[in-house]
Amino acid sequence: MDEFSIAHFQRLDDGSPLGDDERRLRYRLRHGDVRFATDAFFFQEGHADRFESARYGQFRANDHGELLLVALYDESLNRLGEMER
């Protein structure tokens, strides 16, 4: 992860031990591209404008390397979709 807590692709698993800064993640190949988690998400109808500027996703990984999207962020790393209270 960089200084902004953004993770970057390191390598495909070649069976060698993971480094301290590496995590094994489950991925899929789509049209020859590596994809983590899903490239689709659902939100309440009529709220699309809250997520239009999304550029980054925050994920949680379980012990099997499967990812769950928990938040979206714009290019300035502002969290999107927060409800005003």
PDB file of N, CA and C in Angstrom:
ATOM      1  N   MET A   1       0.855  -1.178   0.000  1.00  0.00           N
ATOM      2  CA  MET A   1       0.000   0.000   0.000  1.00  0.00           C
ATOM      3  C   MET A   1       0.895   1.234   0.000  1.00  0.00           C
ATOM      4  N   ASP A   2       0.433   2.245  -0.702  1.00  0.00           N
ATOM      5  CA  ASP A   2       1.222   3.469  -0.756  1.00  0.00           C
ATOM      6  C   ASP A   2       0.863   4.396   0.407  1.00  0.00           C
ATOM      7  N   GLU A   3       1.384   5.611   0.374  1.00  0.00           N
ATOM      8  CA  GLU A   3       1.160   6.553   1.477  1.00  0.00           C
ATOM      9  C   GLU A   3      -0.297   6.985   1.618  1.00  0.00           C
ATOM     10  N   PHE A   4      -1.125   6.707   0.600  1.00  0.00           N
ATOM     11  CA  PHE A   4      -2.549   7.038   0.658  1.00  0.00           C
ATOM     12  C   PHE A   4      -3.403   5.811   0.988  1.00  0.00           C
ATOM     13  N   SER A   5      -2.752   4.723   1.380  1.00  0.00           N
ATOM     14  CA  SER A   5      -3.410   3.445   1.692  1.00  0.00           C
ATOM     15  C   SER A   5      -4.086   2.830   0.475  1.00  0.00           C
ATOM     16  N   ILE A   6      -3.520   3.074  -0.700  1.00  0.00           N
ATOM     17  CA  ILE A   6      -4.017   2.479  -1.932  1.00  0.00           C
ATOM     18  C   ILE A   6      -3.113   1.303  -2.275  1.00  0.00           C
ATOM     19  N   ALA A   7      -3.716   0.119  -2.395  1.00  0.00           N
ATOM     20  CA  ALA A   7      -2.958  -1.078  -2.726  1.00  0.00           C
ATOM     21  C   ALA A   7      -2.685  -1.111  -4.226  1.00  0.00           C
ATOM     22  N   HIS A   8      -1.563  -1.698  -4.580  1.00  0.00           N
ATOM     23  CA  HIS A   8      -1.159  -1.820  -5.980  1.00  0.00           C
ATOM     24  C   HIS A   8      -0.795  -3.268  -6.280  1.00  0.00           C
ATOM     25  N   PHE A   9      -1.086  -3.691  -7.486  1.00  0.00           N
ATOM     26  CA  PHE A   9      -0.785  -5.048  -7.925  1.00  0.00           C
ATOM     27  C   PHE A   9       0.718  -5.288  -7.837  1.00  0.00           C
ATOM     28  N   GLN A  10       1.098  -6.446  -7.269  1.00  0.00           N
ATOM     29  CA  GLN A  10       2.507  -6.813  -7.155  1.00  0.00           C
ATOM     30  C   GLN A  10       2.888  -7.884  -8.165  1.00  0.00           C
ATOM     31  N   ARG A  11       2.149  -9.001  -8.132  1.00  0.00           N
ATOM     32  CA  ARG A  11       2.512 -10.126  -8.981  1.00  0.00           C
ATOM     33  C   ARG A  11       1.424 -11.190  -8.922  1.00  0.00           C
ATOM     34  N   LEU A  12       1.412 -12.063  -9.907  1.00  0.00           N
ATOM     35  CA  LEU A  12       0.575 -13.253  -9.840  1.00  0.00           C
ATOM     36  C   LEU A  12       1.276 -14.268  -8.958  1.00  0.00           C
ATOM     37  N   ASP A  13       0.515 -15.106  -8.296  1.00  0.00           N
ATOM     38  CA  ASP A  13       1.059 -16.110  -7.386  1.00  0.00           C
ATOM     39  C   ASP A  13       1.894 -17.120  -8.169  1.00  0.00           C
ATOM     40  N   ASP A  14       3.140 -17.250  -7.779  1.00  0.00           N
ATOM     41  CA  ASP A  14       4.022 -18.233  -8.409  1.00  0.00           C
ATOM     42  C   ASP A  14       4.423 -19.333  -7.423  1.00  0.00           C
ATOM     43  N   GLY A  15       3.737 -19.385  -6.285  1.00  0.00           N
ATOM     44  CA  GLY A  15       4.021 -20.396  -5.285  1.00  0.00           C
ATOM     45  C   GLY A  15       5.071 -19.995  -4.267  1.00  0.00           C
ATOM     46  N   SER A  16       5.755 -18.882  -4.499  1.00  0.00           N
ATOM     47  CA  SER A  16       6.765 -18.438  -3.540  1.00  0.00           C
ATOM     48  C   SER A  16       6.079 -17.798  -2.333  1.00  0.00           C
ATOM     49  N   PRO A  17       6.758 -17.757  -1.187  1.00  0.00           N
ATOM     50  CA  PRO A  17       6.148 -17.168   0.013  1.00  0.00           C
ATOM     51  C   PRO A  17       5.772 -15.701  -0.209  1.00  0.00           C
ATOM     52  N   LEU A  18       4.712 -15.287   0.462  1.00  0.00           N
ATOM     53  CA  LEU A  18       4.282 -13.891   0.372  1.00  0.00           C
ATOM     54  C   LEU A  18       5.209 -12.998   1.180  1.00  0.00           C
ATOM     55  N   GLY A  19       5.443 -11.787   0.673  1.00  0.00           N
ATOM     56  CA  GLY A  19       6.187 -10.795   1.425  1.00  0.00           C
ATOM     57  C   GLY A  19       5.305 -10.201   2.505  1.00  0.00           C
ATOM     58  N   ASP A  20       5.904  -9.472   3.440  1.00  0.00           N
ATOM     59  CA  ASP A  20       5.141  -8.839   4.519  1.00  0.00           C
ATOM     60  C   ASP A  20       4.111  -7.854   3.987  1.00  0.00           C
ATOM     61  N   ASP A  21       4.364  -7.276   2.814  1.00  0.00           N
ATOM     62  CA  ASP A  21       3.456  -6.287   2.243  1.00  0.00           C
ATOM     63  C   ASP A  21       2.554  -6.879   1.169  1.00  0.00           C
ATOM     64  N   GLU A  22       2.445  -8.221   1.109  1.00  0.00           N
ATOM     65  CA  GLU A  22       1.629  -8.875   0.095  1.00  0.00           C
ATOM     66  C   GLU A  22       0.477  -9.651   0.736  1.00  0.00           C
ATOM     67  N   ARG A  23      -0.630  -9.720   0.005  1.00  0.00           N
ATOM     68  CA  ARG A  23      -1.791 -10.516   0.400  1.00  0.00           C
ATOM     69  C   ARG A  23      -2.235 -11.311  -0.812  1.00  0.00           C
ATOM     70  N   ARG A  24      -2.643 -12.535  -0.585  1.00  0.00           N
ATOM     71  CA  ARG A  24      -3.149 -13.366  -1.672  1.00  0.00           C
ATOM     72  C   ARG A  24      -4.633 -13.058  -1.833  1.00  0.00           C
ATOM     73  N   LEU A  25      -5.040 -12.661  -3.042  1.00  0.00           N
ATOM     74  CA  LEU A  25      -6.428 -12.308  -3.321  1.00  0.00           C
ATOM     75  C   LEU A  25      -6.971 -13.184  -4.444  1.00  0.00           C
ATOM     76  N   ARG A  26      -8.222 -13.546  -4.306  1.00  0.00           N
ATOM     77  CA  ARG A  26      -8.903 -14.291  -5.365  1.00  0.00           C
ATOM     78  C   ARG A  26      -9.222 -13.319  -6.501  1.00  0.00           C
ATOM     79  N   TYR A  27      -9.026 -13.760  -7.714  1.00  0.00           N
ATOM     80  CA  TYR A  27      -9.301 -12.907  -8.865  1.00  0.00           C
ATOM     81  C   TYR A  27      -9.978 -13.716  -9.959  1.00  0.00           C
ATOM     82  N   ARG A  28     -10.492 -12.988 -10.942  1.00  0.00           N
ATOM     83  CA  ARG A  28     -11.122 -13.592 -12.115  1.00  0.00           C
ATOM     84  C   ARG A  28     -10.475 -12.981 -13.352  1.00  0.00           C
ATOM     85  N   LEU A  29     -10.467 -13.741 -14.427  1.00  0.00           N
ATOM     86  CA  LEU A  29     -10.021 -13.196 -15.705  1.00  0.00           C
ATOM     87  C   LEU A  29     -11.247 -12.836 -16.524  1.00  0.00           C
ATOM     88  N   ARG A  30     -11.302 -11.600 -16.959  1.00  0.00           N
ATOM     89  CA  ARG A  30     -12.407 -11.121 -17.803  1.00  0.00           C
ATOM     90  C   ARG A  30     -11.805 -10.482 -19.049  1.00  0.00           C
ATOM     91  N   HIS A  31     -12.048 -11.099 -20.180  1.00  0.00           N
ATOM     92  CA  HIS A  31     -11.518 -10.596 -21.452  1.00  0.00           C
ATOM     93  C   HIS A  31     -10.012 -10.395 -21.370  1.00  0.00           C
ATOM     94  N   GLY A  32      -9.330 -11.324 -20.711  1.00  0.00           N
ATOM     95  CA  GLY A  32      -7.879 -11.266 -20.607  1.00  0.00           C
ATOM     96  C   GLY A  32      -7.339 -10.346 -19.536  1.00  0.00           C
ATOM     97  N   ASP A  33      -8.215  -9.674 -18.781  1.00  0.00           N
ATOM     98  CA  ASP A  33      -7.796  -8.770 -17.719  1.00  0.00           C
ATOM     99  C   ASP A  33      -8.049  -9.399 -16.358  1.00  0.00           C
ATOM    100  N   VAL A  34      -7.151  -9.150 -15.414  1.00  0.00           N
ATOM    101  CA  VAL A  34      -7.332  -9.603 -14.041  1.00  0.00           C
ATOM    102  C   VAL A  34      -8.326  -8.667 -13.360  1.00  0.00           C
ATOM    103  N   ARG A  35      -9.348  -9.240 -12.739  1.00  0.00           N
ATOM    104  CA  ARG A  35     -10.371  -8.465 -12.036  1.00  0.00           C
ATOM    105  C   ARG A  35     -10.493  -8.981 -10.612  1.00  0.00           C
ATOM    106  N   PHE A  36     -10.462  -8.066  -9.662  1.00  0.00           N
ATOM    107  CA  PHE A  36     -10.661  -8.409  -8.259  1.00  0.00           C
ATOM    108  C   PHE A  36     -12.097  -8.090  -7.899  1.00  0.00           C
ATOM    109  N   ALA A  37     -12.719  -8.949  -7.127  1.00  0.00           N
ATOM    110  CA  ALA A  37     -14.111  -8.767  -6.702  1.00  0.00           C
ATOM    111  C   ALA A  37     -14.984  -8.644  -7.942  1.00  0.00           C
ATOM    112  N   THR A  38     -15.900  -7.727  -7.920  1.00  0.00           N
ATOM    113  CA  THR A  38     -16.813  -7.521  -9.042  1.00  0.00           C
ATOM    114  C   THR A  38     -16.665  -6.108  -9.555  1.00  0.00           C
ATOM    115  N   ASP A  39     -17.021  -5.893 -10.786  1.00  0.00           N
ATOM    116  CA  ASP A  39     -16.989  -4.535 -11.329  1.00  0.00           C
ATOM    117  C   ASP A  39     -18.400  -3.941 -11.353  1.00  0.00           C
ATOM    118  N   ALA A  40     -19.313  -4.560 -10.618  1.00  0.00           N
ATOM    119  CA  ALA A  40     -20.685  -4.075 -10.517  1.00  0.00           C
ATOM    120  C   ALA A  40     -21.077  -4.004  -9.044  1.00  0.00           C
ATOM    121  N   PHE A  41     -21.898  -3.042  -8.725  1.00  0.00           N
ATOM    122  CA  PHE A  41     -22.428  -2.943  -7.365  1.00  0.00           C
ATOM    123  C   PHE A  41     -23.821  -2.343  -7.441  1.00  0.00           C
ATOM    124  N   PHE A  42     -24.587  -2.537  -6.412  1.00  0.00           N
ATOM    125  CA  PHE A  42     -25.975  -2.084  -6.384  1.00  0.00           C
ATOM    126  C   PHE A  42     -26.152  -1.000  -5.338  1.00  0.00           C
ATOM    127  N   PHE A  43     -27.007  -0.055  -5.653  1.00  0.00           N
ATOM    128  CA  PHE A  43     -27.345   1.004  -4.710  1.00  0.00           C
ATOM    129  C   PHE A  43     -28.814   1.337  -4.909  1.00  0.00           C
ATOM    130  N   GLN A  44     -29.361   2.047  -3.958  1.00  0.00           N
ATOM    131  CA  GLN A  44     -30.781   2.362  -3.978  1.00  0.00           C
ATOM    132  C   GLN A  44     -31.141   3.185  -5.214  1.00  0.00           C
ATOM    133  N   GLU A  45     -32.244   2.843  -5.827  1.00  0.00           N
ATOM    134  CA  GLU A  45     -32.712   3.553  -7.010  1.00  0.00           C
ATOM    135  C   GLU A  45     -32.837   5.046  -6.709  1.00  0.00           C
ATOM    136  N   GLY A  46     -32.363   5.869  -7.641  1.00  0.00           N
ATOM    137  CA  GLY A  46     -32.428   7.316  -7.483  1.00  0.00           C
ATOM    138  C   GLY A  46     -31.214   7.919  -6.797  1.00  0.00           C
ATOM    139  N   HIS A  47     -30.217   7.081  -6.440  1.00  0.00           N
ATOM    140  CA  HIS A  47     -29.037   7.565  -5.725  1.00  0.00           C
ATOM    141  C   HIS A  47     -27.752   7.437  -6.544  1.00  0.00           C
ATOM    142  N   ALA A  48     -27.878   7.226  -7.838  1.00  0.00           N
ATOM    143  CA  ALA A  48     -26.707   7.020  -8.693  1.00  0.00           C
ATOM    144  C   ALA A  48     -25.753   8.212  -8.670  1.00  0.00           C
ATOM    145  N   ASP A  49     -26.296   9.429  -8.536  1.00  0.00           N
ATOM    146  CA  ASP A  49     -25.442  10.619  -8.560  1.00  0.00           C
ATOM    147  C   ASP A  49     -24.423  10.626  -7.421  1.00  0.00           C
ATOM    148  N   ARG A  50     -24.712   9.938  -6.335  1.00  0.00           N
ATOM    149  CA  ARG A  50     -23.772   9.882  -5.202  1.00  0.00           C
ATOM    150  C   ARG A  50     -22.498   9.123  -5.554  1.00  0.00           C
ATOM    151  N   PHE A  51     -22.563   8.241  -6.568  1.00  0.00           N
ATOM    152  CA  PHE A  51     -21.450   7.352  -6.872  1.00  0.00           C
ATOM    153  C   PHE A  51     -20.838   7.577  -8.250  1.00  0.00           C
ATOM    154  N   GLU A  52     -21.318   8.559  -8.992  1.00  0.00           N
ATOM    155  CA  GLU A  52     -20.828   8.787 -10.353  1.00  0.00           C
ATOM    156  C   GLU A  52     -19.340   9.085 -10.420  1.00  0.00           C
ATOM    157  N   SER A  53     -18.794   9.724  -9.416  1.00  0.00           N
ATOM    158  CA  SER A  53     -17.382  10.119  -9.449  1.00  0.00           C
ATOM    159  C   SER A  53     -16.452   9.076  -8.835  1.00  0.00           C
ATOM    160  N   ALA A  54     -16.943   7.863  -8.602  1.00  0.00           N
ATOM    161  CA  ALA A  54     -16.135   6.812  -7.965  1.00  0.00           C
ATOM    162  C   ALA A  54     -14.919   6.455  -8.812  1.00  0.00           C
ATOM    163  N   ARG A  55     -13.764   6.392  -8.161  1.00  0.00           N
ATOM    164  CA  ARG A  55     -12.520   5.983  -8.807  1.00  0.00           C
ATOM    165  C   ARG A  55     -11.801   4.890  -8.026  1.00  0.00           C
ATOM    166  N   TYR A  56     -12.099   4.783  -6.721  1.00  0.00           N
ATOM    167  CA  TYR A  56     -11.459   3.803  -5.857  1.00  0.00           C
ATOM    168  C   TYR A  56     -12.509   3.078  -5.029  1.00  0.00           C
ATOM    169  N   GLY A  57     -12.209   1.830  -4.705  1.00  0.00           N
ATOM    170  CA  GLY A  57     -13.064   1.060  -3.815  1.00  0.00           C
ATOM    171  C   GLY A  57     -12.286   0.629  -2.593  1.00  0.00           C
ATOM    172  N   GLN A  58     -12.976   0.571  -1.464  1.00  0.00           N
ATOM    173  CA  GLN A  58     -12.393   0.032  -0.237  1.00  0.00           C
ATOM    174  C   GLN A  58     -12.963  -1.362  -0.059  1.00  0.00           C
ATOM    175  N   PHE A  59     -12.081  -2.333   0.157  1.00  0.00           N
ATOM    176  CA  PHE A  59     -12.486  -3.721   0.249  1.00  0.00           C
ATOM    177  C   PHE A  59     -12.026  -4.339   1.560  1.00  0.00           C
ATOM    178  N   ARG A  60     -12.771  -5.335   1.992  1.00  0.00           N
ATOM    179  CA  ARG A  60     -12.342  -6.214   3.082  1.00  0.00           C
ATOM    180  C   ARG A  60     -12.051  -7.563   2.440  1.00  0.00           C
ATOM    181  N   ALA A  61     -11.016  -8.226   2.918  1.00  0.00           N
ATOM    182  CA  ALA A  61     -10.668  -9.552   2.403  1.00  0.00           C
ATOM    183  C   ALA A  61     -10.825 -10.576   3.510  1.00  0.00           C
ATOM    184  N   ASN A  62     -11.440 -11.712   3.183  1.00  0.00           N
ATOM    185  CA  ASN A  62     -11.539 -12.780   4.175  1.00  0.00           C
ATOM    186  C   ASN A  62     -10.298 -13.670   4.089  1.00  0.00           C
ATOM    187  N   ASP A  63     -10.255 -14.725   4.872  1.00  0.00           N
ATOM    188  CA  ASP A  63      -9.088 -15.616   4.922  1.00  0.00           C
ATOM    189  C   ASP A  63      -8.837 -16.353   3.615  1.00  0.00           C
ATOM    190  N   HIS A  64      -9.839 -16.386   2.731  1.00  0.00           N
ATOM    191  CA  HIS A  64      -9.708 -17.073   1.448  1.00  0.00           C
ATOM    192  C   HIS A  64      -9.356 -16.102   0.318  1.00  0.00           C
ATOM    193  N   GLY A  65      -9.143 -14.832   0.644  1.00  0.00           N
ATOM    194  CA  GLY A  65      -8.787 -13.845  -0.368  1.00  0.00           C
ATOM    195  C   GLY A  65      -9.964 -13.308  -1.150  1.00  0.00           C
ATOM    196  N   GLU A  66     -11.181 -13.612  -0.704  1.00  0.00           N
ATOM    197  CA  GLU A  66     -12.373 -13.086  -1.376  1.00  0.00           C
ATOM    198  C   GLU A  66     -12.641 -11.685  -0.863  1.00  0.00           C
ATOM    199  N   LEU A  67     -13.003 -10.781  -1.769  1.00  0.00           N
ATOM    200  CA  LEU A  67     -13.161  -9.371  -1.433  1.00  0.00           C
ATOM    201  C   LEU A  67     -14.617  -8.969  -1.324  1.00  0.00           C
ATOM    202  N   LEU A  68     -14.877  -8.023  -0.421  1.00  0.00           N
ATOM    203  CA  LEU A  68     -16.200  -7.434  -0.247  1.00  0.00           C
ATOM    204  C   LEU A  68     -16.038  -5.922  -0.323  1.00  0.00           C
ATOM    205  N   LEU A  69     -16.747  -5.291  -1.249  1.00  0.00           N
ATOM    206  CA  LEU A  69     -16.715  -3.835  -1.377  1.00  0.00           C
ATOM    207  C   LEU A  69     -17.441  -3.208  -0.201  1.00  0.00           C
ATOM    208  N   VAL A  70     -16.792  -2.291   0.512  1.00  0.00           N
ATOM    209  CA  VAL A  70     -17.410  -1.652   1.668  1.00  0.00           C
ATOM    210  C   VAL A  70     -17.595  -0.150   1.501  1.00  0.00           C
ATOM    211  N   ALA A  71     -16.881   0.469   0.548  1.00  0.00           N
ATOM    212  CA  ALA A  71     -17.043   1.909   0.330  1.00  0.00           C
ATOM    213  C   ALA A  71     -16.436   2.286  -1.014  1.00  0.00           C
ATOM    214  N   LEU A  72     -16.910   3.411  -1.549  1.00  0.00           N
ATOM    215  CA  LEU A  72     -16.365   3.975  -2.783  1.00  0.00           C
ATOM    216  C   LEU A  72     -15.831   5.366  -2.495  1.00  0.00           C
ATOM    217  N   TYR A  73     -14.780   5.758  -3.239  1.00  0.00           N
ATOM    218  CA  TYR A  73     -14.115   7.042  -3.051  1.00  0.00           C
ATOM    219  C   TYR A  73     -13.882   7.714  -4.394  1.00  0.00           C
ATOM    220  N   ASP A  74     -13.871   9.062  -4.410  1.00  0.00           N
ATOM    221  CA  ASP A  74     -13.565   9.796  -5.637  1.00  0.00           C
ATOM    222  C   ASP A  74     -12.053   9.905  -5.804  1.00  0.00           C
ATOM    223  N   GLU A  75     -11.601  10.600  -6.858  1.00  0.00           N
ATOM    224  CA  GLU A  75     -10.158  10.676  -7.130  1.00  0.00           C
ATOM    225  C   GLU A  75      -9.389  11.444  -6.065  1.00  0.00           C
ATOM    226  N   SER A  76     -10.074  12.248  -5.240  1.00  0.00           N
ATOM    227  CA  SER A  76      -9.427  12.957  -4.131  1.00  0.00           C
ATOM    228  C   SER A  76      -9.534  12.181  -2.819  1.00  0.00           C
ATOM    229  N   LEU A  77      -9.996  10.950  -2.909  1.00  0.00           N
ATOM    230  CA  LEU A  77     -10.157  10.041  -1.762  1.00  0.00           C
ATOM    231  C   LEU A  77     -11.208  10.503  -0.762  1.00  0.00           C
ATOM    232  N   ASN A  78     -12.233  11.184  -1.267  1.00  0.00           N
ATOM    233  CA  ASN A  78     -13.397  11.513  -0.460  1.00  0.00           C
ATOM    234  C   ASN A  78     -14.380  10.361  -0.542  1.00  0.00           C
ATOM    235  N   ARG A  79     -14.863   9.903   0.620  1.00  0.00           N
ATOM    236  CA  ARG A  79     -15.808   8.791   0.636  1.00  0.00           C
ATOM    237  C   ARG A  79     -17.137   9.241   0.044  1.00  0.00           C
ATOM    238  N   LEU A  80     -17.695   8.411  -0.817  1.00  0.00           N
ATOM    239  CA  LEU A  80     -18.951   8.722  -1.501  1.00  0.00           C
ATOM    240  C   LEU A  80     -20.117   8.008  -0.834  1.00  0.00           C
ATOM    241  N   GLY A  81     -21.291   8.590  -0.991  1.00  0.00           N
ATOM    242  CA  GLY A  81     -22.513   7.939  -0.549  1.00  0.00           C
ATOM    243  C   GLY A  81     -22.899   8.166   0.884  1.00  0.00           C
ATOM    244  N   GLU A  82     -22.148   8.988   1.595  1.00  0.00           N
ATOM    245  CA  GLU A  82     -22.495   9.243   2.998  1.00  0.00           C
ATOM    246  C   GLU A  82     -23.843   9.950   3.064  1.00  0.00           C
ATOM    247  N   MET A  83     -24.668   9.490   3.942  1.00  0.00           N
ATOM    248  CA  MET A  83     -25.980  10.112   4.148  1.00  0.00           C
ATOM    249  C   MET A  83     -25.825  11.301   5.067  1.00  0.00           C
ATOM    250  N   GLU A  84     -26.497  12.404   4.741  1.00  0.00           N
ATOM    251  CA  GLU A  84     -26.503  13.557   5.640  1.00  0.00           C
ATOM    252  C   GLU A  84     -27.452  13.262   6.767  1.00  0.00           C
ATOM    253  N   ARG A  85     -27.061  13.618   7.996  1.00  0.00           N
ATOM    254  CA  ARG A  85     -27.893  13.336   9.162  1.00  0.00           C
ATOM    255  C   ARG A  85     -28.381  14.608   9.774  1.00  0.00           C
TER     256      ARG A  85
END
